[in-house]
PDB file of N, CA and C in Angstrom:
ATOM      1  N   UNK A   1      12.676 -34.577  46.305  1.00  0.00           N
ATOM      2  CA  UNK A   1      13.672 -34.585  45.242  1.00  0.00           C
ATOM      3  C   UNK A   1      12.974 -34.381  43.909  1.00  0.00           C
ATOM      4  N   UNK A   2      13.570 -33.579  43.069  1.00  0.00           N
ATOM      5  CA  UNK A   2      13.035 -33.307  41.749  1.00  0.00           C
ATOM      6  C   UNK A   2      13.200 -34.556  40.886  1.00  0.00           C
ATOM      7  N   UNK A   3      12.121 -34.975  40.249  1.00  0.00           N
ATOM      8  CA  UNK A   3      12.155 -36.196  39.449  1.00  0.00           C
ATOM      9  C   UNK A   3      12.266 -35.894  37.948  1.00  0.00           C
ATOM     10  N   UNK A   4      12.905 -34.772  37.605  1.00  0.00           N
ATOM     11  CA  UNK A   4      13.082 -34.414  36.207  1.00  0.00           C
ATOM     12  C   UNK A   4      13.885 -35.494  35.495  1.00  0.00           C
ATOM     13  N   UNK A   5      13.477 -35.831  34.292  1.00  0.00           N
ATOM     14  CA  UNK A   5      14.181 -36.824  33.485  1.00  0.00           C
ATOM     15  C   UNK A   5      15.518 -36.219  33.047  1.00  0.00           C
ATOM     16  N   UNK A   6      16.585 -36.702  33.628  1.00  0.00           N
ATOM     17  CA  UNK A   6      17.918 -36.130  33.399  1.00  0.00           C
ATOM     18  C   UNK A   6      18.325 -36.184  31.929  1.00  0.00           C
ATOM     19  N   UNK A   7      18.041 -37.270  31.257  1.00  0.00           N
ATOM     20  CA  UNK A   7      18.430 -37.414  29.850  1.00  0.00           C
ATOM     21  C   UNK A   7      17.660 -36.427  28.976  1.00  0.00           C
ATOM     22  N   UNK A   8      16.351 -36.284  29.210  1.00  0.00           N
ATOM     23  CA  UNK A   8      15.557 -35.322  28.449  1.00  0.00           C
ATOM     24  C   UNK A   8      16.065 -33.898  28.653  1.00  0.00           C
ATOM     25  N   UNK A   9      16.362 -33.547  29.902  1.00  0.00           N
ATOM     26  CA  UNK A   9      16.854 -32.204  30.207  1.00  0.00           C
ATOM     27  C   UNK A   9      18.197 -31.950  29.545  1.00  0.00           C
ATOM     28  N   UNK A  10      19.093 -32.920  29.596  1.00  0.00           N
ATOM     29  CA  UNK A  10      20.398 -32.766  28.960  1.00  0.00           C
ATOM     30  C   UNK A  10      20.246 -32.588  27.452  1.00  0.00           C
ATOM     31  N   UNK A  11      19.390 -33.399  26.815  1.00  0.00           N
ATOM     32  CA  UNK A  11      19.174 -33.271  25.371  1.00  0.00           C
ATOM     33  C   UNK A  11      18.559 -31.919  25.012  1.00  0.00           C
ATOM     34  N   UNK A  12      17.612 -31.447  25.820  1.00  0.00           N
ATOM     35  CA  UNK A  12      16.980 -30.159  25.557  1.00  0.00           C
ATOM     36  C   UNK A  12      17.980 -29.016  25.666  1.00  0.00           C
ATOM     37  N   UNK A  13      18.793 -29.005  26.722  1.00  0.00           N
ATOM     38  CA  UNK A  13      19.755 -27.912  26.872  1.00  0.00           C
ATOM     39  C   UNK A  13      20.828 -27.942  25.791  1.00  0.00           C
ATOM     40  N   UNK A  14      21.223 -29.122  25.365  1.00  0.00           N
ATOM     41  CA  UNK A  14      22.205 -29.200  24.279  1.00  0.00           C
ATOM     42  C   UNK A  14      21.605 -28.711  22.967  1.00  0.00           C
ATOM     43  N   UNK A  15      20.324 -29.013  22.744  1.00  0.00           N
ATOM     44  CA  UNK A  15      19.632 -28.521  21.547  1.00  0.00           C
ATOM     45  C   UNK A  15      19.522 -26.992  21.592  1.00  0.00           C
ATOM     46  N   UNK A  16      19.233 -26.442  22.779  1.00  0.00           N
ATOM     47  CA  UNK A  16      19.089 -24.993  22.923  1.00  0.00           C
ATOM     48  C   UNK A  16      20.411 -24.266  22.685  1.00  0.00           C
ATOM     49  N   UNK A  17      21.518 -24.951  22.813  1.00  0.00           N
ATOM     50  CA  UNK A  17      22.815 -24.339  22.510  1.00  0.00           C
ATOM     51  C   UNK A  17      22.974 -24.117  21.010  1.00  0.00           C
ATOM     52  N   UNK A  18      22.255 -24.926  20.204  1.00  0.00           N
ATOM     53  CA  UNK A  18      22.317 -24.793  18.747  1.00  0.00           C
ATOM     54  C   UNK A  18      21.152 -23.984  18.189  1.00  0.00           C
ATOM     55  N   UNK A  19      19.935 -24.251  18.693  1.00  0.00           N
ATOM     56  CA  UNK A  19      18.725 -23.619  18.156  1.00  0.00           C
ATOM     57  C   UNK A  19      17.774 -23.327  19.301  1.00  0.00           C
ATOM     58  N   UNK A  20      17.457 -22.056  19.512  1.00  0.00           N
ATOM     59  CA  UNK A  20      16.595 -21.650  20.616  1.00  0.00           C
ATOM     60  C   UNK A  20      15.667 -20.536  20.127  1.00  0.00           C
ATOM     61  N   UNK A  21      14.496 -20.899  19.595  1.00  0.00           N
ATOM     62  CA  UNK A  21      13.596 -19.875  19.073  1.00  0.00           C
ATOM     63  C   UNK A  21      12.962 -19.040  20.196  1.00  0.00           C
ATOM     64  N   UNK A  22      13.103 -17.736  20.118  1.00  0.00           N
ATOM     65  CA  UNK A  22      12.554 -16.809  21.103  1.00  0.00           C
ATOM     66  C   UNK A  22      11.517 -15.933  20.400  1.00  0.00           C
ATOM     67  N   UNK A  23      10.286 -15.852  20.944  1.00  0.00           N
ATOM     68  CA  UNK A  23       9.281 -14.974  20.316  1.00  0.00           C
ATOM     69  C   UNK A  23       9.735 -13.516  20.386  1.00  0.00           C
ATOM     70  N   UNK A  24       9.546 -12.807  19.309  1.00  0.00           N
ATOM     71  CA  UNK A  24       9.890 -11.389  19.278  1.00  0.00           C
ATOM     72  C   UNK A  24       8.934 -10.617  20.171  1.00  0.00           C
ATOM     73  N   UNK A  25       9.454  -9.675  20.956  1.00  0.00           N
ATOM     74  CA  UNK A  25       8.579  -8.898  21.828  1.00  0.00           C
ATOM     75  C   UNK A  25       7.800  -7.849  21.052  1.00  0.00           C
ATOM     76  N   UNK A  26       8.081  -7.711  19.760  1.00  0.00           N
ATOM     77  CA  UNK A  26       7.360  -6.757  18.914  1.00  0.00           C
ATOM     78  C   UNK A  26       6.380  -7.458  17.988  1.00  0.00           C
ATOM     79  N   UNK A  27       6.179  -8.757  18.196  1.00  0.00           N
ATOM     80  CA  UNK A  27       5.286  -9.523  17.335  1.00  0.00           C
ATOM     81  C   UNK A  27       6.031 -10.042  16.118  1.00  0.00           C
ATOM     82  N   UNK A  28       5.331 -10.755  15.302  1.00  0.00           N
ATOM     83  CA  UNK A  28       5.962 -11.294  14.102  1.00  0.00           C
ATOM     84  C   UNK A  28       6.657 -12.602  14.365  1.00  0.00           C
ATOM     85  N   UNK A  29       7.738 -12.821  13.641  1.00  0.00           N
ATOM     86  CA  UNK A  29       8.424 -14.110  13.708  1.00  0.00           C
ATOM     87  C   UNK A  29       9.287 -14.236  14.964  1.00  0.00           C
ATOM     88  N   UNK A  30       9.790 -15.428  15.160  1.00  0.00           N
ATOM     89  CA  UNK A  30      10.662 -15.683  16.300  1.00  0.00           C
ATOM     90  C   UNK A  30      12.110 -15.410  15.914  1.00  0.00           C
ATOM     91  N   UNK A  31      12.929 -15.207  16.923  1.00  0.00           N
ATOM     92  CA  UNK A  31      14.355 -14.996  16.711  1.00  0.00           C
ATOM     93  C   UNK A  31      15.101 -16.249  17.161  1.00  0.00           C
ATOM     94  N   UNK A  32      16.092 -16.647  16.416  1.00  0.00           N
ATOM     95  CA  UNK A  32      16.904 -17.806  16.788  1.00  0.00           C
ATOM     96  C   UNK A  32      18.091 -17.306  17.607  1.00  0.00           C
ATOM     97  N   UNK A  33      18.010 -17.461  18.923  1.00  0.00           N
ATOM     98  CA  UNK A  33      19.076 -17.001  19.811  1.00  0.00           C
ATOM     99  C   UNK A  33      19.579 -18.195  20.623  1.00  0.00           C
ATOM    100  N   UNK A  34      20.661 -18.829  20.160  1.00  0.00           N
ATOM    101  CA  UNK A  34      21.185 -19.982  20.891  1.00  0.00           C
ATOM    102  C   UNK A  34      21.652 -19.583  22.287  1.00  0.00           C
ATOM    103  N   UNK A  35      21.523 -20.506  23.228  1.00  0.00           N
ATOM    104  CA  UNK A  35      21.980 -20.276  24.597  1.00  0.00           C
ATOM    105  C   UNK A  35      23.494 -20.430  24.608  1.00  0.00           C
ATOM    106  N   UNK A  36      24.188 -19.389  25.058  1.00  0.00           N
ATOM    107  CA  UNK A  36      25.654 -19.416  25.061  1.00  0.00           C
ATOM    108  C   UNK A  36      26.244 -19.360  26.462  1.00  0.00           C
ATOM    109  N   UNK A  37      25.404 -19.270  27.487  1.00  0.00           N
ATOM    110  CA  UNK A  37      25.914 -19.084  28.842  1.00  0.00           C
ATOM    111  C   UNK A  37      25.894 -20.348  29.697  1.00  0.00           C
ATOM    112  N   UNK A  38      25.488 -21.476  29.137  1.00  0.00           N
ATOM    113  CA  UNK A  38      25.535 -22.732  29.888  1.00  0.00           C
ATOM    114  C   UNK A  38      26.945 -23.286  29.828  1.00  0.00           C
ATOM    115  N   UNK A  39      27.526 -23.486  30.981  1.00  0.00           N
ATOM    116  CA  UNK A  39      28.895 -23.978  31.039  1.00  0.00           C
ATOM    117  C   UNK A  39      28.940 -25.493  30.984  1.00  0.00           C
ATOM    118  N   UNK A  40      27.979 -26.136  31.646  1.00  0.00           N
ATOM    119  CA  UNK A  40      27.993 -27.588  31.789  1.00  0.00           C
ATOM    120  C   UNK A  40      26.564 -28.096  31.813  1.00  0.00           C
ATOM    121  N   UNK A  41      26.396 -29.374  31.563  1.00  0.00           N
ATOM    122  CA  UNK A  41      25.085 -30.007  31.676  1.00  0.00           C
ATOM    123  C   UNK A  41      24.630 -29.986  33.134  1.00  0.00           C
ATOM    124  N   UNK A  42      23.321 -30.022  33.315  1.00  0.00           N
ATOM    125  CA  UNK A  42      22.758 -30.050  34.663  1.00  0.00           C
ATOM    126  C   UNK A  42      23.189 -31.317  35.390  1.00  0.00           C
ATOM    127  N   UNK A  43      23.480 -31.176  36.668  1.00  0.00           N
ATOM    128  CA  UNK A  43      23.838 -32.309  37.512  1.00  0.00           C
ATOM    129  C   UNK A  43      22.713 -32.492  38.525  1.00  0.00           C
ATOM    130  N   UNK A  44      22.100 -33.646  38.522  1.00  0.00           N
ATOM    131  CA  UNK A  44      20.983 -33.904  39.424  1.00  0.00           C
ATOM    132  C   UNK A  44      21.519 -34.303  40.795  1.00  0.00           C
ATOM    133  N   UNK A  45      21.010 -33.607  41.784  1.00  0.00           N
ATOM    134  CA  UNK A  45      21.478 -33.845  43.148  1.00  0.00           C
ATOM    135  C   UNK A  45      20.312 -33.630  44.104  1.00  0.00           C
ATOM    136  N   UNK A  46      20.161 -34.500  45.054  1.00  0.00           N
ATOM    137  CA  UNK A  46      19.110 -34.392  46.042  1.00  0.00           C
ATOM    138  C   UNK A  46      19.381 -33.176  46.923  1.00  0.00           C
ATOM    139  N   UNK A  47      18.356 -32.347  47.134  1.00  0.00           N
ATOM    140  CA  UNK A  47      18.551 -31.100  47.875  1.00  0.00           C
ATOM    141  C   UNK A  47      18.944 -31.325  49.331  1.00  0.00           C
ATOM    142  N   UNK A  48      18.652 -32.487  49.889  1.00  0.00           N
ATOM    143  CA  UNK A  48      19.024 -32.704  51.285  1.00  0.00           C
ATOM    144  C   UNK A  48      20.533 -32.789  51.458  1.00  0.00           C
ATOM    145  N   UNK A  49      21.284 -32.877  50.360  1.00  0.00           N
ATOM    146  CA  UNK A  49      22.738 -32.953  50.432  1.00  0.00           C
ATOM    147  C   UNK A  49      23.420 -31.652  50.027  1.00  0.00           C
ATOM    148  N   UNK A  50      22.650 -30.586  49.776  1.00  0.00           N
ATOM    149  CA  UNK A  50      23.254 -29.337  49.316  1.00  0.00           C
ATOM    150  C   UNK A  50      22.499 -28.136  49.864  1.00  0.00           C
ATOM    151  N   UNK A  51      23.198 -27.292  50.618  1.00  0.00           N
ATOM    152  CA  UNK A  51      22.575 -26.081  51.135  1.00  0.00           C
ATOM    153  C   UNK A  51      22.175 -25.130  50.006  1.00  0.00           C
ATOM    154  N   UNK A  52      22.963 -25.075  48.950  1.00  0.00           N
ATOM    155  CA  UNK A  52      22.653 -24.177  47.841  1.00  0.00           C
ATOM    156  C   UNK A  52      21.350 -24.581  47.150  1.00  0.00           C
ATOM    157  N   UNK A  53      21.145 -25.868  46.959  1.00  0.00           N
ATOM    158  CA  UNK A  53      19.912 -26.341  46.337  1.00  0.00           C
ATOM    159  C   UNK A  53      18.736 -26.129  47.282  1.00  0.00           C
ATOM    160  N   UNK A  54      18.946 -26.323  48.584  1.00  0.00           N
ATOM    161  CA  UNK A  54      17.884 -26.049  49.552  1.00  0.00           C
ATOM    162  C   UNK A  54      17.488 -24.572  49.512  1.00  0.00           C
ATOM    163  N   UNK A  55      18.461 -23.699  49.402  1.00  0.00           N
ATOM    164  CA  UNK A  55      18.181 -22.265  49.319  1.00  0.00           C
ATOM    165  C   UNK A  55      17.389 -21.939  48.060  1.00  0.00           C
ATOM    166  N   UNK A  56      17.760 -22.537  46.944  1.00  0.00           N
ATOM    167  CA  UNK A  56      17.012 -22.324  45.697  1.00  0.00           C
ATOM    168  C   UNK A  56      15.581 -22.854  45.836  1.00  0.00           C
ATOM    169  N   UNK A  57      15.413 -23.992  46.493  1.00  0.00           N
ATOM    170  CA  UNK A  57      14.077 -24.556  46.721  1.00  0.00           C
ATOM    171  C   UNK A  57      13.222 -23.624  47.578  1.00  0.00           C
ATOM    172  N   UNK A  58      13.799 -23.078  48.649  1.00  0.00           N
ATOM    173  CA  UNK A  58      13.064 -22.157  49.530  1.00  0.00           C
ATOM    174  C   UNK A  58      12.657 -20.905  48.764  1.00  0.00           C
ATOM    175  N   UNK A  59      13.573 -20.358  47.980  1.00  0.00           N
ATOM    176  CA  UNK A  59      13.261 -19.153  47.212  1.00  0.00           C
ATOM    177  C   UNK A  59      12.172 -19.419  46.180  1.00  0.00           C
ATOM    178  N   UNK A  60      12.230 -20.561  45.508  1.00  0.00           N
ATOM    179  CA  UNK A  60      11.195 -20.912  44.534  1.00  0.00           C
ATOM    180  C   UNK A  60       9.851 -21.105  45.229  1.00  0.00           C
ATOM    181  N   UNK A  61       9.858 -21.707  46.409  1.00  0.00           N
ATOM    182  CA  UNK A  61       8.625 -21.905  47.164  1.00  0.00           C
ATOM    183  C   UNK A  61       7.989 -20.564  47.523  1.00  0.00           C
ATOM    184  N   UNK A  62       8.787 -19.632  48.018  1.00  0.00           N
ATOM    185  CA  UNK A  62       8.224 -18.340  48.418  1.00  0.00           C
ATOM    186  C   UNK A  62       7.871 -17.467  47.215  1.00  0.00           C
ATOM    187  N   UNK A  63       8.508 -17.682  46.091  1.00  0.00           N
ATOM    188  CA  UNK A  63       8.050 -16.998  44.869  1.00  0.00           C
ATOM    189  C   UNK A  63       6.669 -17.519  44.498  1.00  0.00           C
ATOM    190  N   UNK A  64       6.466 -18.823  44.606  1.00  0.00           N
ATOM    191  CA  UNK A  64       5.146 -19.401  44.356  1.00  0.00           C
ATOM    192  C   UNK A  64       4.122 -18.846  45.338  1.00  0.00           C
ATOM    193  N   UNK A  65       4.508 -18.707  46.605  1.00  0.00           N
ATOM    194  CA  UNK A  65       3.595 -18.168  47.618  1.00  0.00           C
ATOM    195  C   UNK A  65       3.237 -16.713  47.338  1.00  0.00           C
ATOM    196  N   UNK A  66       4.105 -16.009  46.658  1.00  0.00           N
ATOM    197  CA  UNK A  66       3.806 -14.622  46.273  1.00  0.00           C
ATOM    198  C   UNK A  66       2.598 -14.578  45.343  1.00  0.00           C
ATOM    199  N   UNK A  67       2.443 -15.603  44.519  1.00  0.00           N
ATOM    200  CA  UNK A  67       1.342 -15.652  43.552  1.00  0.00           C
ATOM    201  C   UNK A  67       0.129 -16.415  44.086  1.00  0.00           C
ATOM    202  N   UNK A  68       0.363 -17.492  44.812  1.00  0.00           N
ATOM    203  CA  UNK A  68      -0.732 -18.315  45.340  1.00  0.00           C
ATOM    204  C   UNK A  68      -0.437 -18.644  46.799  1.00  0.00           C
ATOM    205  N   UNK A  69      -0.668 -17.680  47.644  1.00  0.00           N
ATOM    206  CA  UNK A  69      -0.330 -17.817  49.056  1.00  0.00           C
ATOM    207  C   UNK A  69      -1.301 -18.760  49.771  1.00  0.00           C
ATOM    208  N   UNK A  70      -0.743 -19.735  50.499  1.00  0.00           N
ATOM    209  CA  UNK A  70      -1.578 -20.652  51.277  1.00  0.00           C
ATOM    210  C   UNK A  70      -1.925 -20.007  52.625  1.00  0.00           C
ATOM    211  N   UNK A  71      -2.922 -20.547  53.288  1.00  0.00           N
ATOM    212  CA  UNK A  71      -3.393 -19.975  54.551  1.00  0.00           C
ATOM    213  C   UNK A  71      -2.308 -19.967  55.632  1.00  0.00           C
ATOM    214  N   UNK A  72      -1.501 -21.012  55.700  1.00  0.00           N
ATOM    215  CA  UNK A  72      -0.459 -21.085  56.722  1.00  0.00           C
ATOM    216  C   UNK A  72       0.523 -19.924  56.572  1.00  0.00           C
ATOM    217  N   UNK A  73       0.973 -19.683  55.363  1.00  0.00           N
ATOM    218  CA  UNK A  73       1.929 -18.595  55.109  1.00  0.00           C
ATOM    219  C   UNK A  73       1.280 -17.240  55.405  1.00  0.00           C
ATOM    220  N   UNK A  74       0.009 -17.084  55.055  1.00  0.00           N
ATOM    221  CA  UNK A  74      -0.703 -15.841  55.383  1.00  0.00           C
ATOM    222  C   UNK A  74      -0.736 -15.614  56.885  1.00  0.00           C
ATOM    223  N   UNK A  75      -1.071 -16.667  57.641  1.00  0.00           N
ATOM    224  CA  UNK A  75      -1.163 -16.546  59.106  1.00  0.00           C
ATOM    225  C   UNK A  75       0.184 -16.214  59.729  1.00  0.00           C
ATOM    226  N   UNK A  76       1.244 -16.794  59.188  1.00  0.00           N
ATOM    227  CA  UNK A  76       2.573 -16.602  59.767  1.00  0.00           C
ATOM    228  C   UNK A  76       3.274 -15.346  59.256  1.00  0.00           C
ATOM    229  N   UNK A  77       2.673 -14.666  58.283  1.00  0.00           N
ATOM    230  CA  UNK A  77       3.267 -13.425  57.774  1.00  0.00           C
ATOM    231  C   UNK A  77       4.416 -13.639  56.815  1.00  0.00           C
ATOM    232  N   UNK A  78       4.495 -14.791  56.182  1.00  0.00           N
ATOM    233  CA  UNK A  78       5.586 -15.073  55.253  1.00  0.00           C
ATOM    234  C   UNK A  78       5.287 -14.677  53.817  1.00  0.00           C
ATOM    235  N   UNK A  79       4.157 -14.030  53.602  1.00  0.00           N
ATOM    236  CA  UNK A  79       3.732 -13.675  52.243  1.00  0.00           C
ATOM    237  C   UNK A  79       4.749 -12.780  51.529  1.00  0.00           C
ATOM    238  N   UNK A  80       5.442 -11.944  52.276  1.00  0.00           N
ATOM    239  CA  UNK A  80       6.382 -10.991  51.671  1.00  0.00           C
ATOM    240  C   UNK A  80       7.842 -11.448  51.753  1.00  0.00           C
ATOM    241  N   UNK A  81       8.064 -12.713  52.058  1.00  0.00           N
ATOM    242  CA  UNK A  81       9.428 -13.227  52.180  1.00  0.00           C
ATOM    243  C   UNK A  81      10.233 -12.975  50.909  1.00  0.00           C
ATOM    244  N   UNK A  82       9.636 -13.259  49.760  1.00  0.00           N
ATOM    245  CA  UNK A  82      10.382 -13.122  48.502  1.00  0.00           C
ATOM    246  C   UNK A  82      10.840 -11.685  48.285  1.00  0.00           C
ATOM    247  N   UNK A  83      10.049 -10.726  48.711  1.00  0.00           N
ATOM    248  CA  UNK A  83      10.399  -9.309  48.547  1.00  0.00           C
ATOM    249  C   UNK A  83      11.662  -8.943  49.316  1.00  0.00           C
ATOM    250  N   UNK A  84      11.983  -9.690  50.362  1.00  0.00           N
ATOM    251  CA  UNK A  84      13.200  -9.429  51.129  1.00  0.00           C
ATOM    252  C   UNK A  84      14.461  -9.758  50.333  1.00  0.00           C
ATOM    253  N   UNK A  85      14.309 -10.478  49.227  1.00  0.00           N
ATOM    254  CA  UNK A  85      15.459 -10.840  48.393  1.00  0.00           C
ATOM    255  C   UNK A  85      15.827  -9.742  47.400  1.00  0.00           C
ATOM    256  N   UNK A  86      15.123  -8.625  47.406  1.00  0.00           N
ATOM    257  CA  UNK A  86      15.313  -7.548  46.425  1.00  0.00           C
ATOM    258  C   UNK A  86      16.782  -7.161  46.196  1.00  0.00           C
ATOM    259  N   UNK A  87      17.620  -7.059  47.231  1.00  0.00           N
ATOM    260  CA  UNK A  87      19.006  -6.650  46.980  1.00  0.00           C
ATOM    261  C   UNK A  87      19.820  -7.629  46.149  1.00  0.00           C
ATOM    262  N   UNK A  88      19.394  -8.883  46.057  1.00  0.00           N
ATOM    263  CA  UNK A  88      20.204  -9.872  45.346  1.00  0.00           C
ATOM    264  C   UNK A  88      19.519 -10.441  44.104  1.00  0.00           C
ATOM    265  N   UNK A  89      18.365  -9.913  43.735  1.00  0.00           N
ATOM    266  CA  UNK A  89      17.643 -10.429  42.566  1.00  0.00           C
ATOM    267  C   UNK A  89      18.293  -9.961  41.272  1.00  0.00           C
ATOM    268  N   UNK A  90      18.238 -10.790  40.267  1.00  0.00           N
ATOM    269  CA  UNK A  90      18.720 -10.442  38.929  1.00  0.00           C
ATOM    270  C   UNK A  90      17.575  -9.746  38.190  1.00  0.00           C
ATOM    271  N   UNK A  91      17.462  -8.447  38.384  1.00  0.00           N
ATOM    272  CA  UNK A  91      16.314  -7.706  37.870  1.00  0.00           C
ATOM    273  C   UNK A  91      16.333  -7.527  36.356  1.00  0.00           C
ATOM    274  N   UNK A  92      17.461  -7.762  35.704  1.00  0.00           N
ATOM    275  CA  UNK A  92      17.524  -7.603  34.251  1.00  0.00           C
ATOM    276  C   UNK A  92      16.970  -8.811  33.513  1.00  0.00           C
ATOM    277  N   UNK A  93      16.545  -9.837  34.248  1.00  0.00           N
ATOM    278  CA  UNK A  93      16.001 -11.039  33.612  1.00  0.00           C
ATOM    279  C   UNK A  93      14.683 -10.764  32.905  1.00  0.00           C
ATOM    280  N   UNK A  94      13.958  -9.732  33.330  1.00  0.00           N
ATOM    281  CA  UNK A  94      12.677  -9.392  32.704  1.00  0.00           C
ATOM    282  C   UNK A  94      12.524  -7.883  32.625  1.00  0.00           C
ATOM    283  N   UNK A  95      12.116  -7.398  31.462  1.00  0.00           N
ATOM    284  CA  UNK A  95      11.854  -5.966  31.300  1.00  0.00           C
ATOM    285  C   UNK A  95      10.481  -5.592  31.832  1.00  0.00           C
ATOM    286  N   UNK A  96       9.615  -6.599  32.002  1.00  0.00           N
ATOM    287  CA  UNK A  96       8.223  -6.337  32.368  1.00  0.00           C
ATOM    288  C   UNK A  96       7.954  -6.443  33.863  1.00  0.00           C
ATOM    289  N   UNK A  97       8.927  -6.888  34.645  1.00  0.00           N
ATOM    290  CA  UNK A  97       8.692  -7.073  36.078  1.00  0.00           C
ATOM    291  C   UNK A  97       9.827  -6.426  36.858  1.00  0.00           C
ATOM    292  N   UNK A  98       9.469  -5.615  37.838  1.00  0.00           N
ATOM    293  CA  UNK A  98      10.456  -4.866  38.603  1.00  0.00           C
ATOM    294  C   UNK A  98      11.431  -5.764  39.369  1.00  0.00           C
ATOM    295  N   UNK A  99      10.987  -6.964  39.751  1.00  0.00           N
ATOM    296  CA  UNK A  99      11.861  -7.901  40.477  1.00  0.00           C
ATOM    297  C   UNK A  99      12.595  -8.858  39.546  1.00  0.00           C
ATOM    298  N   UNK A 100      12.429  -8.696  38.237  1.00  0.00           N
ATOM    299  CA  UNK A 100      13.110  -9.550  37.277  1.00  0.00           C
ATOM    300  C   UNK A 100      12.454 -10.894  37.069  1.00  0.00           C
ATOM    301  N   UNK A 101      11.211 -11.068  37.532  1.00  0.00           N
ATOM    302  CA  UNK A 101      10.522 -12.337  37.409  1.00  0.00           C
ATOM    303  C   UNK A 101      10.015 -12.498  35.978  1.00  0.00           C
ATOM    304  N   UNK A 102      10.335 -13.604  35.361  1.00  0.00           N
ATOM    305  CA  UNK A 102       9.890 -13.888  33.998  1.00  0.00           C
ATOM    306  C   UNK A 102       8.551 -14.585  34.096  1.00  0.00           C
ATOM    307  N   UNK A 103       7.507 -13.954  33.582  1.00  0.00           N
ATOM    308  CA  UNK A 103       6.159 -14.514  33.639  1.00  0.00           C
ATOM    309  C   UNK A 103       5.688 -14.850  32.239  1.00  0.00           C
ATOM    310  N   UNK A 104       4.795 -15.828  32.162  1.00  0.00           N
ATOM    311  CA  UNK A 104       4.207 -16.166  30.864  1.00  0.00           C
ATOM    312  C   UNK A 104       2.860 -15.525  30.757  1.00  0.00           C
TER     313      UNK A 104
END
């Protein structure tokens, strides 16, 4: 179960609705682009009670394995699992990555 501090996360997302500094991709100053697409505050729920959260956990795990693959996944051939999600990925999330992965 994710042990994220629910109160901190709620305060951060509410703040981002008012002020959300984004670095300019051309250099220079940051742009203030408030988040307008959050409908509701995050609801913390144990993944063992939700198939949707379990699916998100599996996808996040295999995205991590794409970058730092463990020996077990290499042996079992699961290294390319994340690539199988190509038809449903939100590719517009990043201009710099073909699969839409936002990297720092």
